[in-house]
Amino acid sequence: RRAPAGRIVNVSSGTASMAAMTDPGHYFWDTAA
């Protein structure tokens, strides 16, 4: 908050995308649960 323009970046994962994980056309479809 003291910085003029603070930036927070949370390193997530494409596997966090529920849209991708539930899409039969996406390569995540075949990844193990």
PDB file of all heavy atoms in Angstrom:
ATOM      1  N   ARG A   1       0.825  -1.219   0.000  1.00  0.00           N
ATOM      2  CA  ARG A   1       0.000   0.000   0.000  1.00  0.00           C
ATOM      3  C   ARG A   1       0.856   1.265   0.000  1.00  0.00           C
ATOM      4  O   ARG A   1       0.398   2.326  -0.415  1.00  0.00           O
ATOM      5  CB  ARG A   1      -0.933  -0.009   1.208  1.00  0.00           C
ATOM      6  CG  ARG A   1      -2.086  -1.008   1.114  1.00  0.00           C
ATOM      7  CD  ARG A   1      -2.896  -0.961   2.396  1.00  0.00           C
ATOM      8  NE  ARG A   1      -4.036  -1.859   2.397  1.00  0.00           N
ATOM      9  CZ  ARG A   1      -5.253  -1.543   1.938  1.00  0.00           C
ATOM     10  NH1 ARG A   1      -5.465  -0.331   1.431  1.00  0.00           N
ATOM     11  NH2 ARG A   1      -6.248  -2.409   1.988  1.00  0.00           N
ATOM     12  N   ARG A   2       2.089   1.166   0.475  1.00  0.00           N
ATOM     13  CA  ARG A   2       2.977   2.322   0.477  1.00  0.00           C
ATOM     14  C   ARG A   2       3.543   2.622  -0.914  1.00  0.00           C
ATOM     15  O   ARG A   2       4.060   3.717  -1.140  1.00  0.00           O
ATOM     16  CB  ARG A   2       4.147   2.088   1.444  1.00  0.00           C
ATOM     17  CG  ARG A   2       3.758   2.013   2.902  1.00  0.00           C
ATOM     18  CD  ARG A   2       4.999   1.754   3.748  1.00  0.00           C
ATOM     19  NE  ARG A   2       4.647   1.364   5.119  1.00  0.00           N
ATOM     20  CZ  ARG A   2       5.519   0.911   6.005  1.00  0.00           C
ATOM     21  NH1 ARG A   2       6.803   0.810   5.665  1.00  0.00           N
ATOM     22  NH2 ARG A   2       5.125   0.564   7.208  1.00  0.00           N
ATOM     23  N   ALA A   3       3.501   1.630  -1.792  1.00  0.00           N
ATOM     24  CA  ALA A   3       4.058   1.811  -3.132  1.00  0.00           C
ATOM     25  C   ALA A   3       3.106   2.645  -3.987  1.00  0.00           C
ATOM     26  O   ALA A   3       1.882   2.585  -3.799  1.00  0.00           O
ATOM     27  CB  ALA A   3       4.301   0.458  -3.795  1.00  0.00           C
ATOM     28  N   PRO A   4       3.625   3.396  -4.945  1.00  0.00           N
ATOM     29  CA  PRO A   4       2.749   4.181  -5.825  1.00  0.00           C
ATOM     30  C   PRO A   4       1.826   3.311  -6.667  1.00  0.00           C
ATOM     31  O   PRO A   4       0.726   3.738  -7.017  1.00  0.00           O
ATOM     32  CB  PRO A   4       3.737   4.951  -6.713  1.00  0.00           C
ATOM     33  CG  PRO A   4       5.016   4.966  -5.954  1.00  0.00           C
ATOM     34  CD  PRO A   4       5.048   3.684  -5.190  1.00  0.00           C
ATOM     35  N   ALA A   5       2.270   2.102  -7.004  1.00  0.00           N
ATOM     36  CA  ALA A   5       1.472   1.239  -7.882  1.00  0.00           C
ATOM     37  C   ALA A   5       1.799  -0.219  -7.573  1.00  0.00           C
ATOM     38  O   ALA A   5       2.527  -0.884  -8.314  1.00  0.00           O
ATOM     39  CB  ALA A   5       1.760   1.548  -9.352  1.00  0.00           C
ATOM     40  N   GLY A   6       1.291  -0.720  -6.439  1.00  0.00           N
ATOM     41  CA  GLY A   6       1.578  -2.090  -6.027  1.00  0.00           C
ATOM     42  C   GLY A   6       0.992  -3.113  -6.978  1.00  0.00           C
ATOM     43  O   GLY A   6      -0.081  -2.918  -7.548  1.00  0.00           O
ATOM     44  N   ARG A   7       1.707  -4.208  -7.138  1.00  0.00           N
ATOM     45  CA  ARG A   7       1.255  -5.300  -8.003  1.00  0.00           C
ATOM     46  C   ARG A   7       1.414  -6.629  -7.264  1.00  0.00           C
ATOM     47  O   ARG A   7       2.480  -6.916  -6.711  1.00  0.00           O
ATOM     48  CB  ARG A   7       2.073  -5.353  -9.308  1.00  0.00           C
ATOM     49  CG  ARG A   7       2.008  -4.059 -10.139  1.00  0.00           C
ATOM     50  CD  ARG A   7       0.625  -3.889 -10.770  1.00  0.00           C
ATOM     51  NE  ARG A   7       0.538  -2.669 -11.565  1.00  0.00           N
ATOM     52  CZ  ARG A   7       0.020  -1.522 -11.147  1.00  0.00           C
ATOM     53  NH1 ARG A   7      -0.464  -1.426  -9.902  1.00  0.00           N
ATOM     54  NH2 ARG A   7      -0.038  -0.470 -11.938  1.00  0.00           N
ATOM     55  N   ILE A   8       0.343  -7.422  -7.266  1.00  0.00           N
ATOM     56  CA  ILE A   8       0.380  -8.772  -6.702  1.00  0.00           C
ATOM     57  C   ILE A   8       0.088  -9.753  -7.831  1.00  0.00           C
ATOM     58  O   ILE A   8      -0.913  -9.611  -8.545  1.00  0.00           O
ATOM     59  CB  ILE A   8      -0.658  -8.952  -5.580  1.00  0.00           C
ATOM     60  CG1 ILE A   8      -0.394  -7.962  -4.439  1.00  0.00           C
ATOM     61  CG2 ILE A   8      -0.633 -10.386  -5.062  1.00  0.00           C
ATOM     62  CD1 ILE A   8      -1.493  -7.944  -3.383  1.00  0.00           C
ATOM     63  N   VAL A   9       0.970 -10.724  -7.996  1.00  0.00           N
ATOM     64  CA  VAL A   9       0.778 -11.767  -9.008  1.00  0.00           C
ATOM     65  C   VAL A   9       0.757 -13.110  -8.297  1.00  0.00           C
ATOM     66  O   VAL A   9       1.724 -13.477  -7.614  1.00  0.00           O
ATOM     67  CB  VAL A   9       1.903 -11.757 -10.062  1.00  0.00           C
ATOM     68  CG1 VAL A   9       1.645 -12.839 -11.113  1.00  0.00           C
ATOM     69  CG2 VAL A   9       2.020 -10.387 -10.713  1.00  0.00           C
ATOM     70  N   ASN A  10      -0.337 -13.832  -8.428  1.00  0.00           N
ATOM     71  CA  ASN A  10      -0.458 -15.170  -7.868  1.00  0.00           C
ATOM     72  C   ASN A  10      -0.223 -16.186  -8.986  1.00  0.00           C
ATOM     73  O   ASN A  10      -0.963 -16.207  -9.967  1.00  0.00           O
ATOM     74  CB  ASN A  10      -1.842 -15.368  -7.251  1.00  0.00           C
ATOM     75  CG  ASN A  10      -2.056 -14.472  -6.049  1.00  0.00           C
ATOM     76  OD1 ASN A  10      -1.113 -14.158  -5.322  1.00  0.00           O
ATOM     77  ND2 ASN A  10      -3.297 -14.061  -5.826  1.00  0.00           N
ATOM     78  N   VAL A  11       0.811 -16.991  -8.831  1.00  0.00           N
ATOM     79  CA  VAL A  11       1.124 -17.979  -9.861  1.00  0.00           C
ATOM     80  C   VAL A  11       0.173 -19.156  -9.694  1.00  0.00           C
ATOM     81  O   VAL A  11       0.267 -19.933  -8.745  1.00  0.00           O
ATOM     82  CB  VAL A  11       2.593 -18.419  -9.795  1.00  0.00           C
ATOM     83  CG1 VAL A  11       2.868 -19.493 -10.847  1.00  0.00           C
ATOM     84  CG2 VAL A  11       3.510 -17.218 -10.026  1.00  0.00           C
ATOM     85  N   SER A  12      -0.756 -19.248 -10.627  1.00  0.00           N
ATOM     86  CA  SER A  12      -1.787 -20.271 -10.610  1.00  0.00           C
ATOM     87  C   SER A  12      -1.405 -21.384 -11.591  1.00  0.00           C
ATOM     88  O   SER A  12      -0.226 -21.718 -11.730  1.00  0.00           O
ATOM     89  CB  SER A  12      -3.142 -19.638 -10.960  1.00  0.00           C
ATOM     90  OG  SER A  12      -4.184 -20.575 -10.868  1.00  0.00           O
ATOM     91  N   SER A  13      -2.372 -21.932 -12.276  1.00  0.00           N
ATOM     92  CA  SER A  13      -2.139 -23.040 -13.206  1.00  0.00           C
ATOM     93  C   SER A  13      -3.312 -23.141 -14.164  1.00  0.00           C
ATOM     94  O   SER A  13      -4.457 -22.866 -13.779  1.00  0.00           O
ATOM     95  CB  SER A  13      -2.004 -24.355 -12.426  1.00  0.00           C
ATOM     96  OG  SER A  13      -2.084 -25.473 -13.287  1.00  0.00           O
ATOM     97  N   GLY A  14      -3.020 -23.545 -15.384  1.00  0.00           N
ATOM     98  CA  GLY A  14      -4.104 -23.800 -16.322  1.00  0.00           C
ATOM     99  C   GLY A  14      -5.045 -24.880 -15.831  1.00  0.00           C
ATOM    100  O   GLY A  14      -6.233 -24.899 -16.190  1.00  0.00           O
ATOM    101  N   THR A  15      -4.547 -25.779 -14.972  1.00  0.00           N
ATOM    102  CA  THR A  15      -5.404 -26.834 -14.432  1.00  0.00           C
ATOM    103  C   THR A  15      -6.438 -26.289 -13.458  1.00  0.00           C
ATOM    104  O   THR A  15      -7.329 -27.023 -13.033  1.00  0.00           O
ATOM    105  CB  THR A  15      -4.573 -27.916 -13.722  1.00  0.00           C
ATOM    106  OG1 THR A  15      -3.886 -27.340 -12.600  1.00  0.00           O
ATOM    107  CG2 THR A  15      -3.562 -28.537 -14.670  1.00  0.00           C
ATOM    108  N   ALA A  16      -6.318 -25.011 -13.085  1.00  0.00           N
ATOM    109  CA  ALA A  16      -7.322 -24.387 -12.222  1.00  0.00           C
ATOM    110  C   ALA A  16      -8.535 -23.931 -13.002  1.00  0.00           C
ATOM    111  O   ALA A  16      -9.551 -23.551 -12.403  1.00  0.00           O
ATOM    112  CB  ALA A  16      -6.706 -23.192 -11.499  1.00  0.00           C
ATOM    113  N   SER A  17      -8.454 -23.934 -14.314  1.00  0.00           N
ATOM    114  CA  SER A  17      -9.575 -23.500 -15.148  1.00  0.00           C
ATOM    115  C   SER A  17     -10.619 -24.606 -15.222  1.00  0.00           C
ATOM    116  O   SER A  17     -10.405 -25.645 -15.857  1.00  0.00           O
ATOM    117  CB  SER A  17      -9.088 -23.162 -16.566  1.00  0.00           C
ATOM    118  OG  SER A  17     -10.182 -23.013 -17.446  1.00  0.00           O
ATOM    119  N   MET A  18     -11.758 -24.383 -14.598  1.00  0.00           N
ATOM    120  CA  MET A  18     -12.824 -25.388 -14.650  1.00  0.00           C
ATOM    121  C   MET A  18     -13.395 -25.497 -16.052  1.00  0.00           C
ATOM    122  O   MET A  18     -13.842 -26.570 -16.472  1.00  0.00           O
ATOM    123  CB  MET A  18     -13.889 -25.058 -13.611  1.00  0.00           C
ATOM    124  CG  MET A  18     -13.419 -25.370 -12.201  1.00  0.00           C
ATOM    125  SD  MET A  18     -14.615 -24.993 -10.900  1.00  0.00           S
ATOM    126  CE  MET A  18     -14.170 -23.290 -10.559  1.00  0.00           C
ATOM    127  N   ALA A  19     -13.350 -24.399 -16.796  1.00  0.00           N
ATOM    128  CA  ALA A  19     -13.815 -24.443 -18.188  1.00  0.00           C
ATOM    129  C   ALA A  19     -12.957 -25.398 -19.006  1.00  0.00           C
ATOM    130  O   ALA A  19     -13.468 -26.211 -19.789  1.00  0.00           O
ATOM    131  CB  ALA A  19     -13.783 -23.040 -18.788  1.00  0.00           C
ATOM    132  N   ALA A  20     -11.639 -25.310 -18.826  1.00  0.00           N
ATOM    133  CA  ALA A  20     -10.740 -26.187 -19.583  1.00  0.00           C
ATOM    134  C   ALA A  20     -10.841 -27.634 -19.104  1.00  0.00           C
ATOM    135  O   ALA A  20     -10.872 -28.569 -19.912  1.00  0.00           O
ATOM    136  CB  ALA A  20      -9.302 -25.693 -19.454  1.00  0.00           C
ATOM    137  N   MET A  21     -10.919 -27.821 -17.807  1.00  0.00           N
ATOM    138  CA  MET A  21     -10.911 -29.174 -17.252  1.00  0.00           C
ATOM    139  C   MET A  21     -12.181 -29.952 -17.577  1.00  0.00           C
ATOM    140  O   MET A  21     -12.196 -31.183 -17.527  1.00  0.00           O
ATOM    141  CB  MET A  21     -10.716 -29.113 -15.735  1.00  0.00           C
ATOM    142  CG  MET A  21      -9.344 -28.623 -15.315  1.00  0.00           C
ATOM    143  SD  MET A  21      -8.027 -29.810 -15.659  1.00  0.00           S
ATOM    144  CE  MET A  21      -7.971 -30.709 -14.113  1.00  0.00           C
ATOM    145  N   THR A  22     -13.259 -29.238 -17.903  1.00  0.00           N
ATOM    146  CA  THR A  22     -14.520 -29.922 -18.221  1.00  0.00           C
ATOM    147  C   THR A  22     -14.836 -29.901 -19.720  1.00  0.00           C
ATOM    148  O   THR A  22     -15.937 -30.284 -20.108  1.00  0.00           O
ATOM    149  CB  THR A  22     -15.679 -29.267 -17.449  1.00  0.00           C
ATOM    150  OG1 THR A  22     -15.736 -27.869 -17.756  1.00  0.00           O
ATOM    151  CG2 THR A  22     -15.509 -29.457 -15.946  1.00  0.00           C
ATOM    152  N   ASP A  23     -13.879 -29.484 -20.525  1.00  0.00           N
ATOM    153  CA  ASP A  23     -14.079 -29.397 -21.980  1.00  0.00           C
ATOM    154  C   ASP A  23     -13.514 -30.639 -22.656  1.00  0.00           C
ATOM    155  O   ASP A  23     -12.295 -30.840 -22.661  1.00  0.00           O
ATOM    156  CB  ASP A  23     -13.373 -28.145 -22.507  1.00  0.00           C
ATOM    157  CG  ASP A  23     -13.495 -27.990 -24.014  1.00  0.00           C
ATOM    158  OD1 ASP A  23     -14.138 -28.845 -24.662  1.00  0.00           O
ATOM    159  OD2 ASP A  23     -12.930 -27.013 -24.551  1.00  0.00           O
ATOM    160  N   PRO A  24     -14.368 -31.513 -23.238  1.00  0.00           N
ATOM    161  CA  PRO A  24     -13.859 -32.728 -23.891  1.00  0.00           C
ATOM    162  C   PRO A  24     -12.887 -32.440 -25.029  1.00  0.00           C
ATOM    163  O   PRO A  24     -12.100 -33.318 -25.408  1.00  0.00           O
ATOM    164  CB  PRO A  24     -15.133 -33.401 -24.415  1.00  0.00           C
ATOM    165  CG  PRO A  24     -16.233 -32.868 -23.565  1.00  0.00           C
ATOM    166  CD  PRO A  24     -15.840 -31.457 -23.258  1.00  0.00           C
ATOM    167  N   GLY A  25     -12.916 -31.230 -25.564  1.00  0.00           N
ATOM    168  CA  GLY A  25     -12.013 -30.876 -26.642  1.00  0.00           C
ATOM    169  C   GLY A  25     -10.679 -30.343 -26.183  1.00  0.00           C
ATOM    170  O   GLY A  25      -9.777 -30.117 -27.006  1.00  0.00           O
ATOM    171  N   HIS A  26     -10.519 -30.139 -24.884  1.00  0.00           N
ATOM    172  CA  HIS A  26      -9.274 -29.602 -24.347  1.00  0.00           C
ATOM    173  C   HIS A  26      -8.358 -30.757 -23.923  1.00  0.00           C
ATOM    174  O   HIS A  26      -8.832 -31.794 -23.469  1.00  0.00           O
ATOM    175  CB  HIS A  26      -9.569 -28.705 -23.150  1.00  0.00           C
ATOM    176  CG  HIS A  26      -8.442 -27.801 -22.754  1.00  0.00           C
ATOM    177  ND1 HIS A  26      -7.347 -28.248 -22.055  1.00  0.00           N
ATOM    178  CD2 HIS A  26      -8.235 -26.471 -22.973  1.00  0.00           C
ATOM    179  CE1 HIS A  26      -6.509 -27.234 -21.851  1.00  0.00           C
ATOM    180  NE2 HIS A  26      -7.036 -26.146 -22.394  1.00  0.00           N
ATOM    181  N   TYR A  27      -7.051 -30.548 -24.057  1.00  0.00           N
ATOM    182  CA  TYR A  27      -6.132 -31.642 -23.710  1.00  0.00           C
ATOM    183  C   TYR A  27      -6.162 -31.980 -22.221  1.00  0.00           C
ATOM    184  O   TYR A  27      -5.760 -33.079 -21.823  1.00  0.00           O
ATOM    185  CB  TYR A  27      -4.705 -31.332 -24.176  1.00  0.00           C
ATOM    186  CG  TYR A  27      -3.960 -30.268 -23.412  1.00  0.00           C
ATOM    187  CD1 TYR A  27      -3.154 -30.612 -22.324  1.00  0.00           C
ATOM    188  CD2 TYR A  27      -4.026 -28.926 -23.775  1.00  0.00           C
ATOM    189  CE1 TYR A  27      -2.456 -29.652 -21.621  1.00  0.00           C
ATOM    190  CE2 TYR A  27      -3.325 -27.962 -23.084  1.00  0.00           C
ATOM    191  CZ  TYR A  27      -2.542 -28.328 -22.017  1.00  0.00           C
ATOM    192  OH  TYR A  27      -1.854 -27.361 -21.331  1.00  0.00           O
ATOM    193  N   PHE A  28      -6.666 -31.067 -21.369  1.00  0.00           N
ATOM    194  CA  PHE A  28      -6.797 -31.391 -19.949  1.00  0.00           C
ATOM    195  C   PHE A  28      -7.829 -32.499 -19.702  1.00  0.00           C
ATOM    196  O   PHE A  28      -7.818 -33.113 -18.641  1.00  0.00           O
ATOM    197  CB  PHE A  28      -7.211 -30.148 -19.153  1.00  0.00           C
ATOM    198  CG  PHE A  28      -6.101 -29.180 -18.870  1.00  0.00           C
ATOM    199  CD1 PHE A  28      -6.394 -27.887 -18.467  1.00  0.00           C
ATOM    200  CD2 PHE A  28      -4.776 -29.546 -19.006  1.00  0.00           C
ATOM    201  CE1 PHE A  28      -5.389 -26.981 -18.203  1.00  0.00           C
ATOM    202  CE2 PHE A  28      -3.747 -28.649 -18.745  1.00  0.00           C
ATOM    203  CZ  PHE A  28      -4.062 -27.362 -18.340  1.00  0.00           C
ATOM    204  N   TRP A  29      -8.725 -32.697 -20.655  1.00  0.00           N
ATOM    205  CA  TRP A  29      -9.779 -33.698 -20.478  1.00  0.00           C
ATOM    206  C   TRP A  29      -9.201 -35.076 -20.155  1.00  0.00           C
ATOM    207  O   TRP A  29      -9.782 -35.853 -19.399  1.00  0.00           O
ATOM    208  CB  TRP A  29     -10.633 -33.767 -21.744  1.00  0.00           C
ATOM    209  CG  TRP A  29     -11.770 -34.737 -21.679  1.00  0.00           C
ATOM    210  CD1 TRP A  29     -11.843 -35.966 -22.277  1.00  0.00           C
ATOM    211  CD2 TRP A  29     -13.015 -34.567 -20.984  1.00  0.00           C
ATOM    212  NE1 TRP A  29     -13.053 -36.568 -22.005  1.00  0.00           N
ATOM    213  CE2 TRP A  29     -13.785 -35.726 -21.213  1.00  0.00           C
ATOM    214  CE3 TRP A  29     -13.550 -33.537 -20.198  1.00  0.00           C
ATOM    215  CZ2 TRP A  29     -15.061 -35.880 -20.682  1.00  0.00           C
ATOM    216  CZ3 TRP A  29     -14.811 -33.697 -19.665  1.00  0.00           C
ATOM    217  CH2 TRP A  29     -15.548 -34.861 -19.914  1.00  0.00           C
ATOM    218  N   ASP A  30      -8.035 -35.377 -20.728  1.00  0.00           N
ATOM    219  CA  ASP A  30      -7.421 -36.691 -20.549  1.00  0.00           C
ATOM    220  C   ASP A  30      -6.415 -36.737 -19.406  1.00  0.00           C
ATOM    221  O   ASP A  30      -5.783 -37.766 -19.191  1.00  0.00           O
ATOM    222  CB  ASP A  30      -6.720 -37.133 -21.846  1.00  0.00           C
ATOM    223  CG  ASP A  30      -7.714 -37.438 -22.957  1.00  0.00           C
ATOM    224  OD1 ASP A  30      -8.816 -37.913 -22.633  1.00  0.00           O
ATOM    225  OD2 ASP A  30      -7.380 -37.195 -24.127  1.00  0.00           O
ATOM    226  N   THR A  31      -6.245 -35.644 -18.685  1.00  0.00           N
ATOM    227  CA  THR A  31      -5.325 -35.679 -17.557  1.00  0.00           C
ATOM    228  C   THR A  31      -5.980 -36.392 -16.383  1.00  0.00           C
ATOM    229  O   THR A  31      -7.199 -36.354 -16.206  1.00  0.00           O
ATOM    230  CB  THR A  31      -4.909 -34.259 -17.119  1.00  0.00           C
ATOM    231  OG1 THR A  31      -6.072 -33.513 -16.758  1.00  0.00           O
ATOM    232  CG2 THR A  31      -4.175 -33.544 -18.241  1.00  0.00           C
ATOM    233  N   ALA A  32      -5.157 -37.048 -15.586  1.00  0.00           N
ATOM    234  CA  ALA A  32      -5.683 -37.806 -14.451  1.00  0.00           C
ATOM    235  C   ALA A  32      -6.313 -36.860 -13.424  1.00  0.00           C
ATOM    236  O   ALA A  32      -5.833 -35.751 -13.201  1.00  0.00           O
ATOM    237  CB  ALA A  32      -4.555 -38.601 -13.801  1.00  0.00           C
ATOM    238  N   ALA A  33      -7.407 -37.320 -12.813  1.00  0.00           N
ATOM    239  CA  ALA A  33      -8.044 -36.547 -11.755  1.00  0.00           C
ATOM    240  C   ALA A  33      -7.100 -36.454 -10.564  1.00  0.00           C
ATOM    241  O   ALA A  33      -6.450 -37.427 -10.188  1.00  0.00           O
ATOM    242  CB  ALA A  33      -9.354 -37.205 -11.344  1.00  0.00           C
TER     243      ALA A  33
END
